[in-house]
């Protein structure tokens, strides 16, 4: 859950229309229109990316008149569907997808099931990627892929491609490094156990 208290404000006299803010906004809230940056009040989640990167220092964050909360309730969707997508992504529904906003994987999946078919739409609904803006593109892309969704990358620098996980390591690489202290299969077994941890706990409790 993210409480949004601030919003980007553009100094029109200082803005040169360079489009950097437009290309780095994780929620696509910035757009250059007729040579000047324009803020979408509904989409801006006050991540500060635009303010930090503006070469003319023409953007600042100011208090909103009416703060609002960004959150998707996982109870809105079928729990089994959340579990299915998480299992395909090798992720536990309860693990954190975004440390900055404390958004859990199950909330991201719920957003996807409710129609968020790009990382930007996921950010708009959950607030993920509006903290450090660095790490959380990876779980977003992994979960979209697990839901059989392949989004097109927007023009700009909002996200980079999905980095390989341990499950993507080939047998050839495993064999090459097996004698150097790497235990890929053991690591995979442990990570998959963590991904299923809550499920196993519930099964044991039911028994």
C-alpha atoms as a PDB file:
ATOM      1  CA  UNK A   1       0.000   0.000   0.000  1.00  0.00           C
ATOM      2  CA  UNK A   2       1.394   3.387  -0.968  1.00  0.00           C
ATOM      3  CA  UNK A   3       0.097   6.684   0.373  1.00  0.00           C
ATOM      4  CA  UNK A   4       0.650   9.345  -2.283  1.00  0.00           C
ATOM      5  CA  UNK A   5       1.044  12.753  -0.653  1.00  0.00           C
ATOM      6  CA  UNK A   6       3.028  14.624  -3.296  1.00  0.00           C
ATOM      7  CA  UNK A   7       2.822  15.398  -6.995  1.00  0.00           C
ATOM      8  CA  UNK A   8       5.246  16.652  -9.642  1.00  0.00           C
ATOM      9  CA  UNK A   9       4.936  20.304 -10.580  1.00  0.00           C
ATOM     10  CA  UNK A  10       6.560  21.735 -13.705  1.00  0.00           C
ATOM     11  CA  UNK A  11       8.020  25.213 -13.997  1.00  0.00           C
ATOM     12  CA  UNK A  12       6.867  26.025 -17.520  1.00  0.00           C
ATOM     13  CA  UNK A  13       9.387  28.833 -17.893  1.00  0.00           C
ATOM     14  CA  UNK A  14      12.259  26.501 -17.039  1.00  0.00           C
ATOM     15  CA  UNK A  15      11.066  23.435 -19.009  1.00  0.00           C
ATOM     16  CA  UNK A  16      12.861  22.959 -22.336  1.00  0.00           C
ATOM     17  CA  UNK A  17      10.771  19.986 -23.516  1.00  0.00           C
ATOM     18  CA  UNK A  18      13.705  17.557 -23.538  1.00  0.00           C
ATOM     19  CA  UNK A  19      11.375  14.595 -22.788  1.00  0.00           C
ATOM     20  CA  UNK A  20      13.679  13.045 -20.196  1.00  0.00           C
ATOM     21  CA  UNK A  21      10.880  13.117 -17.615  1.00  0.00           C
ATOM     22  CA  UNK A  22       8.530  11.479 -20.108  1.00  0.00           C
ATOM     23  CA  UNK A  23      11.005   8.687 -20.834  1.00  0.00           C
ATOM     24  CA  UNK A  24      11.783   7.777 -17.216  1.00  0.00           C
ATOM     25  CA  UNK A  25       8.372   7.975 -15.536  1.00  0.00           C
ATOM     26  CA  UNK A  26       7.431   4.455 -14.326  1.00  0.00           C
ATOM     27  CA  UNK A  27       3.701   5.248 -14.451  1.00  0.00           C
ATOM     28  CA  UNK A  28       3.763   7.220 -17.736  1.00  0.00           C
ATOM     29  CA  UNK A  29       2.425  10.267 -15.900  1.00  0.00           C
ATOM     30  CA  UNK A  30       4.659  12.729 -17.785  1.00  0.00           C
ATOM     31  CA  UNK A  31       4.077  13.813 -21.367  1.00  0.00           C
ATOM     32  CA  UNK A  32       5.644  16.618 -23.374  1.00  0.00           C
ATOM     33  CA  UNK A  33       2.924  18.555 -25.186  1.00  0.00           C
ATOM     34  CA  UNK A  34       3.808  21.465 -27.463  1.00  0.00           C
ATOM     35  CA  UNK A  35       7.322  21.590 -26.075  1.00  0.00           C
ATOM     36  CA  UNK A  36       6.398  21.553 -22.372  1.00  0.00           C
ATOM     37  CA  UNK A  37       6.118  18.746 -19.827  1.00  0.00           C
ATOM     38  CA  UNK A  38       2.600  18.026 -18.628  1.00  0.00           C
ATOM     39  CA  UNK A  39       1.725  16.009 -15.500  1.00  0.00           C
ATOM     40  CA  UNK A  40      -1.166  13.553 -15.377  1.00  0.00           C
ATOM     41  CA  UNK A  41      -2.454  14.171 -11.847  1.00  0.00           C
ATOM     42  CA  UNK A  42      -4.141  10.765 -11.631  1.00  0.00           C
ATOM     43  CA  UNK A  43      -1.102   8.757 -12.716  1.00  0.00           C
ATOM     44  CA  UNK A  44       1.641  10.633 -10.829  1.00  0.00           C
ATOM     45  CA  UNK A  45       2.647   8.640  -7.733  1.00  0.00           C
ATOM     46  CA  UNK A  46       5.372  11.073  -6.629  1.00  0.00           C
ATOM     47  CA  UNK A  47       8.330   8.776  -7.278  1.00  0.00           C
ATOM     48  CA  UNK A  48      10.559  11.800  -7.873  1.00  0.00           C
ATOM     49  CA  UNK A  49      12.241  10.391 -10.973  1.00  0.00           C
ATOM     50  CA  UNK A  50      11.393  13.437 -13.049  1.00  0.00           C
ATOM     51  CA  UNK A  51      12.612  15.871 -10.415  1.00  0.00           C
ATOM     52  CA  UNK A  52      15.889  13.993  -9.965  1.00  0.00           C
ATOM     53  CA  UNK A  53      16.642  13.739 -13.696  1.00  0.00           C
ATOM     54  CA  UNK A  54      15.435  17.094 -15.013  1.00  0.00           C
ATOM     55  CA  UNK A  55      18.559  18.807 -16.452  1.00  0.00           C
ATOM     56  CA  UNK A  56      17.029  22.256 -15.937  1.00  0.00           C
ATOM     57  CA  UNK A  57      15.706  21.582 -12.407  1.00  0.00           C
ATOM     58  CA  UNK A  58      12.319  22.674 -13.693  1.00  0.00           C
ATOM     59  CA  UNK A  59      10.351  20.040 -11.756  1.00  0.00           C
ATOM     60  CA  UNK A  60       9.683  19.890  -8.047  1.00  0.00           C
ATOM     61  CA  UNK A  61       7.492  17.769  -5.809  1.00  0.00           C
ATOM     62  CA  UNK A  62       4.700  19.601  -3.990  1.00  0.00           C
ATOM     63  CA  UNK A  63       2.007  18.475  -1.551  1.00  0.00           C
ATOM     64  CA  UNK A  64      -1.270  17.225  -2.955  1.00  0.00           C
ATOM     65  CA  UNK A  65      -4.463  18.795  -1.692  1.00  0.00           C
ATOM     66  CA  UNK A  66      -5.977  15.321  -1.327  1.00  0.00           C
ATOM     67  CA  UNK A  67      -3.565  12.424  -0.672  1.00  0.00           C
ATOM     68  CA  UNK A  68      -4.712   9.004  -1.855  1.00  0.00           C
ATOM     69  CA  UNK A  69      -3.771   5.377  -1.392  1.00  0.00           C
ATOM     70  CA  UNK A  70      -2.647   3.007  -4.150  1.00  0.00           C
ATOM     71  CA  UNK A  71      -3.489  -0.616  -3.429  1.00  0.00           C
ATOM     72  CA  UNK A  72      -5.039  -3.688  -5.036  1.00  0.00           C
ATOM     73  CA  UNK A  73      -6.868  -6.064  -2.709  1.00  0.00           C
ATOM     74  CA  UNK A  74      -5.944  -9.669  -3.632  1.00  0.00           C
ATOM     75  CA  UNK A  75      -9.301 -10.790  -2.219  1.00  0.00           C
ATOM     76  CA  UNK A  76     -10.939  -9.355  -5.355  1.00  0.00           C
ATOM     77  CA  UNK A  77      -9.633 -12.218  -7.480  1.00  0.00           C
ATOM     78  CA  UNK A  78      -9.570 -15.997  -7.370  1.00  0.00           C
ATOM     79  CA  UNK A  79      -6.931 -17.175  -4.889  1.00  0.00           C
ATOM     80  CA  UNK A  80      -6.244 -20.257  -7.010  1.00  0.00           C
ATOM     81  CA  UNK A  81      -5.384 -18.055  -9.989  1.00  0.00           C
ATOM     82  CA  UNK A  82      -2.931 -16.085  -7.849  1.00  0.00           C
ATOM     83  CA  UNK A  83      -1.331 -19.339  -6.696  1.00  0.00           C
ATOM     84  CA  UNK A  84      -1.165 -20.666 -10.264  1.00  0.00           C
ATOM     85  CA  UNK A  85       0.652 -17.626 -11.628  1.00  0.00           C
ATOM     86  CA  UNK A  86       2.980 -17.441  -8.633  1.00  0.00           C
ATOM     87  CA  UNK A  87       3.865 -21.115  -9.059  1.00  0.00           C
ATOM     88  CA  UNK A  88       4.732 -20.548 -12.714  1.00  0.00           C
ATOM     89  CA  UNK A  89       6.906 -17.569 -11.750  1.00  0.00           C
ATOM     90  CA  UNK A  90       8.571 -19.561  -8.929  1.00  0.00           C
ATOM     91  CA  UNK A  91       7.510 -16.918  -6.419  1.00  0.00           C
ATOM     92  CA  UNK A  92       5.653 -17.065  -3.130  1.00  0.00           C
ATOM     93  CA  UNK A  93       2.441 -14.986  -3.024  1.00  0.00           C
ATOM     94  CA  UNK A  94       3.486 -13.516   0.334  1.00  0.00           C
ATOM     95  CA  UNK A  95       7.011 -12.457  -0.630  1.00  0.00           C
ATOM     96  CA  UNK A  96       7.769  -8.814  -1.290  1.00  0.00           C
ATOM     97  CA  UNK A  97       7.829  -7.750  -4.916  1.00  0.00           C
ATOM     98  CA  UNK A  98       8.794  -4.172  -4.011  1.00  0.00           C
ATOM     99  CA  UNK A  99      10.680  -3.433  -0.820  1.00  0.00           C
ATOM    100  CA  UNK A 100      10.200   0.328  -1.067  1.00  0.00           C
ATOM    101  CA  UNK A 101       6.400   0.162  -1.061  1.00  0.00           C
ATOM    102  CA  UNK A 102       6.143  -3.222   0.700  1.00  0.00           C
ATOM    103  CA  UNK A 103       3.990  -4.498  -2.153  1.00  0.00           C
ATOM    104  CA  UNK A 104       3.601  -8.263  -2.065  1.00  0.00           C
ATOM    105  CA  UNK A 105       3.647 -10.599  -5.042  1.00  0.00           C
ATOM    106  CA  UNK A 106      -0.011 -11.536  -4.574  1.00  0.00           C
ATOM    107  CA  UNK A 107      -1.020  -7.879  -4.991  1.00  0.00           C
ATOM    108  CA  UNK A 108       0.926  -7.610  -8.244  1.00  0.00           C
ATOM    109  CA  UNK A 109      -0.720 -10.780  -9.533  1.00  0.00           C
ATOM    110  CA  UNK A 110      -4.134  -9.469  -8.502  1.00  0.00           C
ATOM    111  CA  UNK A 111      -3.448  -6.297 -10.492  1.00  0.00           C
ATOM    112  CA  UNK A 112      -2.514  -8.415 -13.519  1.00  0.00           C
ATOM    113  CA  UNK A 113      -5.685 -10.479 -13.199  1.00  0.00           C
ATOM    114  CA  UNK A 114      -7.665  -7.229 -13.025  1.00  0.00           C
ATOM    115  CA  UNK A 115      -6.229  -6.036 -16.337  1.00  0.00           C
ATOM    116  CA  UNK A 116      -2.776  -4.563 -15.682  1.00  0.00           C
ATOM    117  CA  UNK A 117      -0.952  -5.984 -18.705  1.00  0.00           C
ATOM    118  CA  UNK A 118       2.214  -3.850 -18.591  1.00  0.00           C
ATOM    119  CA  UNK A 119       4.713  -2.915 -15.852  1.00  0.00           C
ATOM    120  CA  UNK A 120       3.460   0.665 -16.101  1.00  0.00           C
ATOM    121  CA  UNK A 121      -0.156  -0.335 -15.422  1.00  0.00           C
ATOM    122  CA  UNK A 122       0.999  -2.530 -12.543  1.00  0.00           C
ATOM    123  CA  UNK A 123       2.818   0.494 -11.104  1.00  0.00           C
ATOM    124  CA  UNK A 124      -0.258   2.659 -11.522  1.00  0.00           C
ATOM    125  CA  UNK A 125      -2.407   0.180  -9.588  1.00  0.00           C
ATOM    126  CA  UNK A 126       0.019  -0.978  -6.881  1.00  0.00           C
ATOM    127  CA  UNK A 127       2.759   1.640  -6.554  1.00  0.00           C
ATOM    128  CA  UNK A 128       5.484  -0.906  -7.343  1.00  0.00           C
ATOM    129  CA  UNK A 129       8.606   0.698  -8.929  1.00  0.00           C
ATOM    130  CA  UNK A 130       7.871   4.132  -7.440  1.00  0.00           C
ATOM    131  CA  UNK A 131      10.450   3.884  -4.673  1.00  0.00           C
ATOM    132  CA  UNK A 132      14.006   3.174  -5.817  1.00  0.00           C
ATOM    133  CA  UNK A 133      12.691   2.553  -9.389  1.00  0.00           C
ATOM    134  CA  UNK A 134      15.418  -0.045  -9.972  1.00  0.00           C
ATOM    135  CA  UNK A 135      14.775  -3.613  -8.821  1.00  0.00           C
ATOM    136  CA  UNK A 136      11.043  -4.132  -9.107  1.00  0.00           C
ATOM    137  CA  UNK A 137      10.818  -4.296 -12.881  1.00  0.00           C
ATOM    138  CA  UNK A 138      12.080  -7.880 -12.585  1.00  0.00           C
ATOM    139  CA  UNK A 139       9.224  -9.398 -10.535  1.00  0.00           C
ATOM    140  CA  UNK A 140       6.747  -7.402 -12.633  1.00  0.00           C
ATOM    141  CA  UNK A 141       8.099  -8.893 -15.870  1.00  0.00           C
ATOM    142  CA  UNK A 142       8.386 -12.397 -14.399  1.00  0.00           C
ATOM    143  CA  UNK A 143       4.793 -12.340 -13.199  1.00  0.00           C
ATOM    144  CA  UNK A 144       3.497 -10.976 -16.488  1.00  0.00           C
ATOM    145  CA  UNK A 145       5.372 -13.720 -18.309  1.00  0.00           C
ATOM    146  CA  UNK A 146       3.880 -16.310 -15.942  1.00  0.00           C
ATOM    147  CA  UNK A 147       0.451 -14.941 -16.851  1.00  0.00           C
ATOM    148  CA  UNK A 148       1.280 -15.415 -20.566  1.00  0.00           C
ATOM    149  CA  UNK A 149       1.487 -11.658 -21.156  1.00  0.00           C
ATOM    150  CA  UNK A 150       4.324 -10.168 -23.191  1.00  0.00           C
ATOM    151  CA  UNK A 151       4.211  -6.372 -22.928  1.00  0.00           C
ATOM    152  CA  UNK A 152       5.936  -4.088 -25.391  1.00  0.00           C
ATOM    153  CA  UNK A 153       8.645  -1.909 -23.937  1.00  0.00           C
ATOM    154  CA  UNK A 154       7.658   1.783 -23.945  1.00  0.00           C
ATOM    155  CA  UNK A 155       9.897   4.291 -25.668  1.00  0.00           C
ATOM    156  CA  UNK A 156      12.375   5.537 -23.110  1.00  0.00           C
ATOM    157  CA  UNK A 157      14.143   4.203 -20.045  1.00  0.00           C
ATOM    158  CA  UNK A 158      11.272   2.939 -17.900  1.00  0.00           C
ATOM    159  CA  UNK A 159      12.504  -0.649 -17.875  1.00  0.00           C
ATOM    160  CA  UNK A 160      15.144  -3.009 -19.095  1.00  0.00           C
ATOM    161  CA  UNK A 161      14.749  -6.629 -20.118  1.00  0.00           C
ATOM    162  CA  UNK A 162      14.116  -9.435 -17.677  1.00  0.00           C
ATOM    163  CA  UNK A 163      17.379 -10.708 -16.222  1.00  0.00           C
ATOM    164  CA  UNK A 164      17.961 -14.475 -16.143  1.00  0.00           C
ATOM    165  CA  UNK A 165      17.032 -16.402 -13.004  1.00  0.00           C
ATOM    166  CA  UNK A 166      18.642 -19.542 -11.655  1.00  0.00           C
ATOM    167  CA  UNK A 167      16.046 -21.583 -13.577  1.00  0.00           C
ATOM    168  CA  UNK A 168      17.408 -20.173 -16.832  1.00  0.00           C
ATOM    169  CA  UNK A 169      20.915 -21.546 -16.267  1.00  0.00           C
ATOM    170  CA  UNK A 170      21.755 -24.244 -18.801  1.00  0.00           C
ATOM    171  CA  UNK A 171      23.058 -27.707 -17.936  1.00  0.00           C
ATOM    172  CA  UNK A 172      26.283 -26.794 -19.725  1.00  0.00           C
ATOM    173  CA  UNK A 173      26.899 -23.848 -17.391  1.00  0.00           C
ATOM    174  CA  UNK A 174      25.963 -25.946 -14.352  1.00  0.00           C
ATOM    175  CA  UNK A 175      28.501 -28.574 -15.340  1.00  0.00           C
ATOM    176  CA  UNK A 176      31.166 -25.961 -16.074  1.00  0.00           C
ATOM    177  CA  UNK A 177      30.931 -24.447 -12.585  1.00  0.00           C
ATOM    178  CA  UNK A 178      29.953 -27.541 -10.583  1.00  0.00           C
ATOM    179  CA  UNK A 179      33.486 -27.999  -9.256  1.00  0.00           C
ATOM    180  CA  UNK A 180      33.878 -24.373  -8.186  1.00  0.00           C
ATOM    181  CA  UNK A 181      31.563 -24.318  -5.201  1.00  0.00           C
ATOM    182  CA  UNK A 182      28.307 -23.682  -7.036  1.00  0.00           C
ATOM    183  CA  UNK A 183      25.282 -25.831  -6.180  1.00  0.00           C
ATOM    184  CA  UNK A 184      22.689 -24.756  -8.709  1.00  0.00           C
ATOM    185  CA  UNK A 185      20.301 -27.682  -8.313  1.00  0.00           C
ATOM    186  CA  UNK A 186      20.387 -27.446  -4.517  1.00  0.00           C
ATOM    187  CA  UNK A 187      19.682 -23.728  -4.757  1.00  0.00           C
ATOM    188  CA  UNK A 188      16.768 -24.362  -7.127  1.00  0.00           C
ATOM    189  CA  UNK A 189      15.348 -26.948  -4.731  1.00  0.00           C
ATOM    190  CA  UNK A 190      15.568 -24.486  -1.830  1.00  0.00           C
ATOM    191  CA  UNK A 191      14.014 -21.605  -3.772  1.00  0.00           C
ATOM    192  CA  UNK A 192      11.152 -23.786  -4.980  1.00  0.00           C
ATOM    193  CA  UNK A 193      10.566 -24.928  -1.402  1.00  0.00           C
ATOM    194  CA  UNK A 194      10.336 -21.292  -0.318  1.00  0.00           C
ATOM    195  CA  UNK A 195       7.910 -20.548  -3.146  1.00  0.00           C
ATOM    196  CA  UNK A 196       5.668 -23.381  -1.906  1.00  0.00           C
ATOM    197  CA  UNK A 197       6.191 -22.710   1.798  1.00  0.00           C
ATOM    198  CA  UNK A 198       2.755 -21.379   2.684  1.00  0.00           C
ATOM    199  CA  UNK A 199       1.030 -24.075   0.640  1.00  0.00           C
ATOM    200  CA  UNK A 200       2.928 -26.832   2.462  1.00  0.00           C
ATOM    201  CA  UNK A 201       2.210 -25.209   5.819  1.00  0.00           C
ATOM    202  CA  UNK A 202      -1.502 -25.144   5.075  1.00  0.00           C
ATOM    203  CA  UNK A 203      -1.464 -28.781   3.930  1.00  0.00           C
ATOM    204  CA  UNK A 204       0.261 -29.810   7.135  1.00  0.00           C
ATOM    205  CA  UNK A 205      -2.250 -27.856   9.188  1.00  0.00           C
ATOM    206  CA  UNK A 206      -5.157 -29.499   7.387  1.00  0.00           C
ATOM    207  CA  UNK A 207      -3.700 -32.915   8.074  1.00  0.00           C
END
